[in-house]
């Protein structure tokens, strides 16, 4: 049974910030960003509200190998790109490969409901910076 929660101004601000973020923010980033606007906000409040938003399935927690939880307002399955230089995480626009889930289910006795893919490399911004540095050295 889901707990009915009253609307919270802080929770809505946290949700809107995560939803509007181009990256996949951490609780610390959310706290530091909103602290100026909401002086009574504490890091504990951020974590509690993130937990509620997660329970309400309005956001999902994602792990990108850096040991830090990141939050995403796109709750449907989708892919990600992680820049190995600047560590930026971005959504990767590519049709979901449902065939992978079906193939995995065929060879497994587990009940598989989905998959995730993370692509790694160098982002466009870092590539441009690398090329600009190379040109300046010449």
N, C-alpha and C. Protein backbone atom coordinates (compact mmCIF):
# COMPACT_ATOMS: atom_id res chain seq x y z
N UNK A 1 0.84 -1.18 0.00
CA UNK A 1 0.00 0.00 0.00
C UNK A 1 0.89 1.25 0.00
N UNK A 2 0.61 2.16 -0.93
CA UNK A 2 1.39 3.38 -1.02
C UNK A 2 0.95 4.39 0.03
N UNK A 3 1.92 5.06 0.61
CA UNK A 3 1.64 6.10 1.58
C UNK A 3 1.25 7.36 0.82
N UNK A 4 0.17 7.99 1.25
CA UNK A 4 -0.26 9.25 0.64
C UNK A 4 0.53 10.37 1.30
N UNK A 5 1.18 11.17 0.51
CA UNK A 5 2.01 12.26 1.01
C UNK A 5 1.41 13.59 0.58
N UNK A 6 1.50 14.55 1.49
CA UNK A 6 1.08 15.90 1.14
C UNK A 6 2.08 16.50 0.17
N UNK A 7 1.60 17.42 -0.64
CA UNK A 7 2.51 18.11 -1.54
C UNK A 7 3.50 18.92 -0.70
N UNK A 8 4.69 19.01 -1.21
CA UNK A 8 5.74 19.74 -0.51
C UNK A 8 6.42 20.67 -1.50
N UNK A 9 6.58 21.93 -1.12
CA UNK A 9 7.24 22.91 -1.98
C UNK A 9 8.68 22.48 -2.26
N UNK A 10 9.38 22.04 -1.22
CA UNK A 10 10.76 21.59 -1.38
C UNK A 10 10.83 20.40 -2.34
N UNK A 11 9.93 19.43 -2.16
CA UNK A 11 9.95 18.24 -2.99
C UNK A 11 9.71 18.60 -4.46
N UNK A 12 8.78 19.51 -4.71
CA UNK A 12 8.49 19.92 -6.09
C UNK A 12 9.68 20.65 -6.71
N UNK A 13 10.36 21.48 -5.91
CA UNK A 13 11.56 22.17 -6.41
C UNK A 13 12.65 21.16 -6.75
N UNK A 14 12.83 20.18 -5.89
CA UNK A 14 13.83 19.12 -6.12
C UNK A 14 13.48 18.37 -7.39
N UNK A 15 12.22 18.00 -7.54
CA UNK A 15 11.78 17.26 -8.73
C UNK A 15 12.01 18.09 -9.99
N UNK A 16 11.59 19.35 -9.97
CA UNK A 16 11.73 20.21 -11.15
C UNK A 16 13.20 20.39 -11.52
N UNK A 17 14.07 20.51 -10.52
CA UNK A 17 15.50 20.66 -10.78
C UNK A 17 16.07 19.39 -11.43
N UNK A 18 15.73 18.23 -10.89
CA UNK A 18 16.20 16.97 -11.47
C UNK A 18 15.65 16.82 -12.89
N UNK A 19 14.37 17.13 -13.07
CA UNK A 19 13.72 17.00 -14.37
C UNK A 19 14.35 17.92 -15.41
N UNK A 20 14.74 19.12 -15.00
CA UNK A 20 15.28 20.10 -15.96
C UNK A 20 16.78 19.96 -16.16
N UNK A 21 17.41 19.12 -15.37
CA UNK A 21 18.86 18.95 -15.46
C UNK A 21 19.23 18.17 -16.72
N UNK A 22 20.22 18.68 -17.44
CA UNK A 22 20.69 17.99 -18.65
C UNK A 22 21.47 16.73 -18.27
N UNK A 23 22.11 16.76 -17.11
CA UNK A 23 22.88 15.60 -16.65
C UNK A 23 22.05 14.75 -15.73
N UNK A 24 22.69 14.00 -14.91
CA UNK A 24 22.03 13.14 -13.95
C UNK A 24 22.57 13.53 -12.58
N UNK A 25 21.89 14.49 -11.93
CA UNK A 25 22.45 15.09 -10.72
C UNK A 25 22.53 14.16 -9.52
N UNK A 26 23.41 14.54 -8.60
CA UNK A 26 23.54 13.84 -7.33
C UNK A 26 22.76 14.63 -6.28
N UNK A 27 22.52 14.02 -5.14
CA UNK A 27 21.82 14.70 -4.04
C UNK A 27 22.62 15.92 -3.59
N UNK A 28 23.93 15.79 -3.54
CA UNK A 28 24.80 16.91 -3.13
C UNK A 28 24.64 18.09 -4.08
N UNK A 29 24.62 17.82 -5.38
CA UNK A 29 24.46 18.88 -6.38
C UNK A 29 23.10 19.54 -6.23
N UNK A 30 22.05 18.74 -6.03
CA UNK A 30 20.70 19.27 -5.84
C UNK A 30 20.69 20.20 -4.63
N UNK A 31 21.28 19.73 -3.54
CA UNK A 31 21.34 20.53 -2.31
C UNK A 31 22.06 21.85 -2.54
N UNK A 32 23.25 21.79 -3.13
CA UNK A 32 24.05 23.00 -3.35
C UNK A 32 23.36 23.97 -4.30
N UNK A 33 22.64 23.45 -5.27
CA UNK A 33 21.95 24.29 -6.25
C UNK A 33 20.74 24.98 -5.64
N UNK A 34 19.97 24.26 -4.81
CA UNK A 34 18.74 24.82 -4.25
C UNK A 34 18.93 25.57 -2.94
N UNK A 35 20.07 25.39 -2.28
CA UNK A 35 20.31 26.01 -0.97
C UNK A 35 20.14 27.52 -1.01
N UNK A 36 20.57 28.16 -2.08
CA UNK A 36 20.45 29.62 -2.20
C UNK A 36 18.99 30.05 -2.23
N UNK A 37 18.18 29.28 -2.95
CA UNK A 37 16.76 29.60 -3.11
C UNK A 37 15.93 29.18 -1.89
N UNK A 38 16.35 28.08 -1.24
CA UNK A 38 15.62 27.54 -0.09
C UNK A 38 16.58 27.45 1.10
N UNK A 39 16.79 28.55 1.81
CA UNK A 39 17.79 28.57 2.89
C UNK A 39 17.54 27.54 4.01
N UNK A 40 16.30 27.12 4.20
CA UNK A 40 16.00 26.15 5.27
C UNK A 40 16.25 24.70 4.82
N UNK A 41 16.61 24.51 3.57
CA UNK A 41 16.85 23.18 3.03
C UNK A 41 18.10 22.56 3.66
N UNK A 42 18.00 21.29 4.02
CA UNK A 42 19.16 20.55 4.52
C UNK A 42 19.43 19.38 3.58
N UNK A 43 20.63 18.85 3.66
CA UNK A 43 20.97 17.69 2.83
C UNK A 43 20.06 16.51 3.19
N UNK A 44 19.73 16.38 4.46
CA UNK A 44 18.80 15.33 4.91
C UNK A 44 17.44 15.48 4.26
N UNK A 45 16.95 16.73 4.14
CA UNK A 45 15.66 16.98 3.46
C UNK A 45 15.73 16.54 2.00
N UNK A 46 16.86 16.83 1.36
CA UNK A 46 17.03 16.45 -0.05
C UNK A 46 16.94 14.93 -0.17
N UNK A 47 17.69 14.21 0.67
CA UNK A 47 17.66 12.74 0.61
C UNK A 47 16.26 12.18 0.90
N UNK A 48 15.58 12.72 1.89
CA UNK A 48 14.23 12.24 2.21
C UNK A 48 13.27 12.47 1.04
N UNK A 49 13.34 13.66 0.44
CA UNK A 49 12.45 13.97 -0.68
C UNK A 49 12.80 13.15 -1.92
N UNK A 50 14.07 12.90 -2.15
CA UNK A 50 14.48 12.05 -3.27
C UNK A 50 13.94 10.63 -3.06
N UNK A 51 13.99 10.16 -1.82
CA UNK A 51 13.44 8.82 -1.51
C UNK A 51 11.94 8.78 -1.81
N UNK A 52 11.22 9.82 -1.43
CA UNK A 52 9.77 9.88 -1.69
C UNK A 52 9.51 9.94 -3.20
N UNK A 53 10.25 10.78 -3.91
CA UNK A 53 10.08 10.88 -5.36
C UNK A 53 10.35 9.54 -6.04
N UNK A 54 11.33 8.81 -5.52
CA UNK A 54 11.65 7.47 -6.03
C UNK A 54 10.49 6.51 -5.77
N UNK A 55 9.98 6.53 -4.55
CA UNK A 55 8.85 5.67 -4.18
C UNK A 55 7.62 5.98 -5.04
N UNK A 56 7.44 7.25 -5.38
CA UNK A 56 6.32 7.66 -6.22
C UNK A 56 6.59 7.38 -7.71
N UNK A 57 7.77 6.85 -7.99
CA UNK A 57 8.21 6.52 -9.35
C UNK A 57 8.23 7.74 -10.27
N UNK A 58 8.55 8.89 -9.68
CA UNK A 58 8.70 10.11 -10.47
C UNK A 58 10.15 10.30 -10.91
N UNK A 59 11.07 9.68 -10.18
CA UNK A 59 12.48 9.67 -10.55
C UNK A 59 13.03 8.27 -10.30
N UNK A 60 14.20 8.01 -10.89
CA UNK A 60 14.89 6.74 -10.63
C UNK A 60 16.33 7.04 -10.26
N UNK A 61 16.88 6.16 -9.46
CA UNK A 61 18.28 6.25 -9.06
C UNK A 61 19.08 5.45 -10.07
N UNK A 62 20.18 6.03 -10.51
CA UNK A 62 21.04 5.34 -11.47
C UNK A 62 22.47 5.33 -10.96
N UNK A 63 23.18 4.26 -11.26
CA UNK A 63 24.58 4.08 -10.85
C UNK A 63 25.42 4.06 -12.11
N UNK A 64 26.46 4.88 -12.14
CA UNK A 64 27.30 4.99 -13.33
C UNK A 64 28.75 4.63 -13.07
N UNK A 65 28.98 3.81 -12.06
CA UNK A 65 30.32 3.31 -11.81
C UNK A 65 31.24 4.24 -11.04
N UNK A 66 30.72 5.36 -10.56
CA UNK A 66 31.56 6.28 -9.79
C UNK A 66 31.29 6.20 -8.29
N UNK A 67 30.42 5.27 -7.89
CA UNK A 67 30.12 5.08 -6.48
C UNK A 67 29.14 6.10 -5.91
N UNK A 68 28.58 6.94 -6.77
CA UNK A 68 27.65 7.98 -6.34
C UNK A 68 26.30 7.74 -7.01
N UNK A 69 25.22 7.90 -6.23
CA UNK A 69 23.89 7.74 -6.82
C UNK A 69 23.54 9.00 -7.60
N UNK A 70 23.04 8.80 -8.81
CA UNK A 70 22.58 9.88 -9.67
C UNK A 70 21.08 9.71 -9.85
N UNK A 71 20.38 10.81 -10.12
CA UNK A 71 18.93 10.75 -10.23
C UNK A 71 18.48 11.21 -11.60
N UNK A 72 17.42 10.56 -12.08
CA UNK A 72 16.96 10.75 -13.44
C UNK A 72 15.43 10.84 -13.42
N UNK A 73 14.89 11.88 -14.07
CA UNK A 73 13.44 12.03 -14.14
C UNK A 73 12.86 11.26 -15.32
N UNK A 74 13.72 10.70 -16.16
CA UNK A 74 13.23 9.83 -17.24
C UNK A 74 13.22 8.42 -16.65
N UNK A 75 12.04 7.95 -16.30
CA UNK A 75 11.94 6.67 -15.59
C UNK A 75 11.84 5.48 -16.55
N UNK A 76 11.52 5.74 -17.81
CA UNK A 76 11.48 4.64 -18.79
C UNK A 76 12.90 4.20 -19.10
N UNK A 77 13.03 2.95 -19.53
CA UNK A 77 14.35 2.44 -19.88
C UNK A 77 14.91 3.25 -21.05
N UNK A 78 16.17 3.61 -20.91
CA UNK A 78 16.89 4.31 -21.98
C UNK A 78 18.38 4.15 -21.73
N UNK A 79 19.18 4.52 -22.70
CA UNK A 79 20.62 4.32 -22.63
C UNK A 79 21.34 5.60 -22.24
N UNK A 80 22.61 5.43 -21.84
CA UNK A 80 23.42 6.57 -21.39
C UNK A 80 24.80 6.55 -22.02
N UNK A 81 25.38 7.74 -22.11
CA UNK A 81 26.75 7.90 -22.56
C UNK A 81 27.54 8.53 -21.43
N UNK A 82 28.70 7.98 -21.10
CA UNK A 82 29.55 8.50 -20.03
C UNK A 82 30.88 8.90 -20.64
N UNK A 83 31.22 10.18 -20.49
CA UNK A 83 32.50 10.66 -21.00
C UNK A 83 33.60 10.24 -20.03
N UNK A 84 34.60 9.58 -20.56
CA UNK A 84 35.70 9.11 -19.72
C UNK A 84 36.64 10.24 -19.31
N UNK A 85 36.51 11.41 -19.95
CA UNK A 85 37.37 12.54 -19.58
C UNK A 85 36.72 13.43 -18.53
N UNK A 86 35.55 14.00 -18.86
CA UNK A 86 34.90 14.94 -17.93
C UNK A 86 33.91 14.26 -17.00
N UNK A 87 33.65 12.98 -17.22
CA UNK A 87 32.75 12.15 -16.39
C UNK A 87 31.28 12.55 -16.53
N UNK A 88 30.96 13.41 -17.49
CA UNK A 88 29.57 13.81 -17.70
C UNK A 88 28.75 12.61 -18.17
N UNK A 89 27.54 12.49 -17.65
CA UNK A 89 26.62 11.42 -18.03
C UNK A 89 25.47 12.07 -18.79
N UNK A 90 25.17 11.55 -19.96
CA UNK A 90 24.05 12.10 -20.73
C UNK A 90 23.20 10.97 -21.29
N UNK A 91 21.96 11.30 -21.57
CA UNK A 91 21.08 10.32 -22.20
C UNK A 91 21.57 10.08 -23.61
N UNK A 92 21.49 8.84 -24.04
CA UNK A 92 21.92 8.47 -25.37
C UNK A 92 20.68 8.11 -26.17
N UNK A 93 20.41 8.90 -27.17
CA UNK A 93 19.19 8.72 -27.96
C UNK A 93 19.38 7.61 -28.98
N UNK A 94 18.81 6.47 -28.66
CA UNK A 94 18.89 5.31 -29.53
C UNK A 94 17.67 4.44 -29.20
N UNK A 95 17.03 3.89 -30.21
CA UNK A 95 15.86 3.04 -29.91
C UNK A 95 16.24 1.89 -28.97
N UNK A 96 15.34 1.62 -28.05
CA UNK A 96 15.54 0.53 -27.10
C UNK A 96 15.63 -0.80 -27.86
N UNK A 97 16.60 -1.61 -27.54
CA UNK A 97 16.83 -2.88 -28.21
C UNK A 97 16.11 -4.00 -27.45
N UNK A 98 14.81 -4.08 -27.65
CA UNK A 98 13.98 -5.08 -26.94
C UNK A 98 14.48 -6.50 -27.21
N UNK A 99 15.07 -6.72 -28.36
CA UNK A 99 15.55 -8.06 -28.73
C UNK A 99 16.60 -8.56 -27.73
N UNK A 100 17.37 -7.64 -27.13
CA UNK A 100 18.37 -8.04 -26.14
C UNK A 100 17.70 -8.65 -24.91
N UNK A 101 16.63 -8.03 -24.45
CA UNK A 101 15.91 -8.55 -23.29
C UNK A 101 15.33 -9.93 -23.62
N UNK A 102 14.77 -10.07 -24.82
CA UNK A 102 14.19 -11.36 -25.22
C UNK A 102 15.25 -12.44 -25.34
N UNK A 103 16.40 -12.10 -25.92
CA UNK A 103 17.49 -13.08 -26.05
C UNK A 103 18.01 -13.49 -24.68
N UNK A 104 18.15 -12.54 -23.78
CA UNK A 104 18.63 -12.85 -22.43
C UNK A 104 17.63 -13.77 -21.72
N UNK A 105 16.34 -13.51 -21.90
CA UNK A 105 15.33 -14.34 -21.26
C UNK A 105 15.38 -15.77 -21.78
N UNK A 106 15.65 -15.93 -23.06
CA UNK A 106 15.70 -17.27 -23.66
C UNK A 106 16.83 -18.13 -23.07
N UNK A 107 17.94 -17.50 -22.74
CA UNK A 107 19.09 -18.28 -22.23
C UNK A 107 19.18 -18.29 -20.71
N UNK A 108 18.19 -17.70 -20.04
CA UNK A 108 18.26 -17.58 -18.58
C UNK A 108 17.04 -18.17 -17.91
N UNK A 109 17.25 -18.65 -16.70
CA UNK A 109 16.10 -19.11 -15.91
C UNK A 109 15.58 -17.98 -15.02
N UNK A 110 16.25 -16.83 -15.08
CA UNK A 110 15.78 -15.65 -14.33
C UNK A 110 14.57 -15.05 -15.03
N UNK A 111 13.83 -14.25 -14.32
CA UNK A 111 12.74 -13.49 -14.93
C UNK A 111 13.30 -12.11 -15.27
N UNK A 112 13.54 -11.87 -16.54
CA UNK A 112 14.19 -10.64 -16.97
C UNK A 112 13.14 -9.66 -17.49
N UNK A 113 13.17 -8.45 -16.94
CA UNK A 113 12.17 -7.45 -17.35
C UNK A 113 12.76 -6.31 -18.17
N UNK A 114 14.08 -6.23 -18.26
CA UNK A 114 14.66 -5.15 -19.04
C UNK A 114 16.17 -5.19 -18.97
N UNK A 115 16.80 -4.18 -19.54
CA UNK A 115 18.26 -4.09 -19.54
C UNK A 115 18.66 -2.62 -19.60
N UNK A 116 19.93 -2.39 -19.39
CA UNK A 116 20.47 -1.05 -19.51
C UNK A 116 21.80 -1.15 -20.25
N UNK A 117 22.09 -0.11 -20.99
CA UNK A 117 23.36 -0.06 -21.70
C UNK A 117 23.98 1.31 -21.43
N UNK A 118 25.28 1.29 -21.14
CA UNK A 118 26.02 2.53 -20.95
C UNK A 118 27.18 2.54 -21.95
N UNK A 119 27.21 3.57 -22.76
CA UNK A 119 28.29 3.73 -23.73
C UNK A 119 29.35 4.62 -23.11
N UNK A 120 30.62 4.31 -23.36
CA UNK A 120 31.74 5.07 -22.83
C UNK A 120 32.58 5.61 -23.97
N UNK A 121 33.20 6.74 -23.75
CA UNK A 121 34.09 7.32 -24.75
C UNK A 121 34.38 8.76 -24.38
N UNK A 122 34.60 9.59 -25.38
CA UNK A 122 34.89 11.00 -25.16
C UNK A 122 33.75 11.81 -25.77
N UNK A 123 33.18 12.71 -24.98
CA UNK A 123 32.05 13.51 -25.44
C UNK A 123 32.49 14.54 -26.48
N UNK A 124 31.53 15.09 -27.16
CA UNK A 124 31.78 16.07 -28.22
C UNK A 124 32.56 17.28 -27.69
N UNK A 125 32.17 17.76 -26.51
CA UNK A 125 32.84 18.93 -25.93
C UNK A 125 34.33 18.63 -25.65
N UNK A 126 34.60 17.50 -25.03
CA UNK A 126 36.00 17.13 -24.74
C UNK A 126 36.79 16.90 -26.02
N UNK A 127 36.14 16.32 -27.05
CA UNK A 127 36.81 16.12 -28.34
C UNK A 127 37.20 17.47 -28.95
N UNK A 128 36.29 18.44 -28.90
CA UNK A 128 36.57 19.77 -29.45
C UNK A 128 37.71 20.44 -28.69
N UNK A 129 37.71 20.29 -27.36
CA UNK A 129 38.78 20.88 -26.54
C UNK A 129 40.13 20.24 -26.88
N UNK A 130 40.14 18.92 -27.07
CA UNK A 130 41.37 18.21 -27.41
C UNK A 130 41.90 18.68 -28.77
N UNK A 131 41.02 18.84 -29.73
CA UNK A 131 41.42 19.30 -31.07
C UNK A 131 41.93 20.73 -31.00
N UNK A 132 41.26 21.58 -30.22
CA UNK A 132 41.69 22.98 -30.09
C UNK A 132 43.08 23.06 -29.45
N UNK A 133 43.35 22.25 -28.44
CA UNK A 133 44.67 22.22 -27.81
C UNK A 133 45.74 21.77 -28.80
N UNK A 134 45.39 20.77 -29.60
CA UNK A 134 46.32 20.23 -30.59
C UNK A 134 46.67 21.32 -31.62
N UNK A 135 45.66 22.06 -32.05
CA UNK A 135 45.86 23.14 -33.05
C UNK A 135 46.73 24.24 -32.45
N UNK A 136 46.48 24.60 -31.18
CA UNK A 136 47.27 25.66 -30.53
C UNK A 136 48.74 25.26 -30.40
N UNK A 137 49.03 23.98 -30.21
CA UNK A 137 50.40 23.50 -30.07
C UNK A 137 51.16 23.56 -31.40
N UNK A 138 50.44 23.55 -32.50
CA UNK A 138 51.11 23.52 -33.81
C UNK A 138 51.64 24.85 -34.22
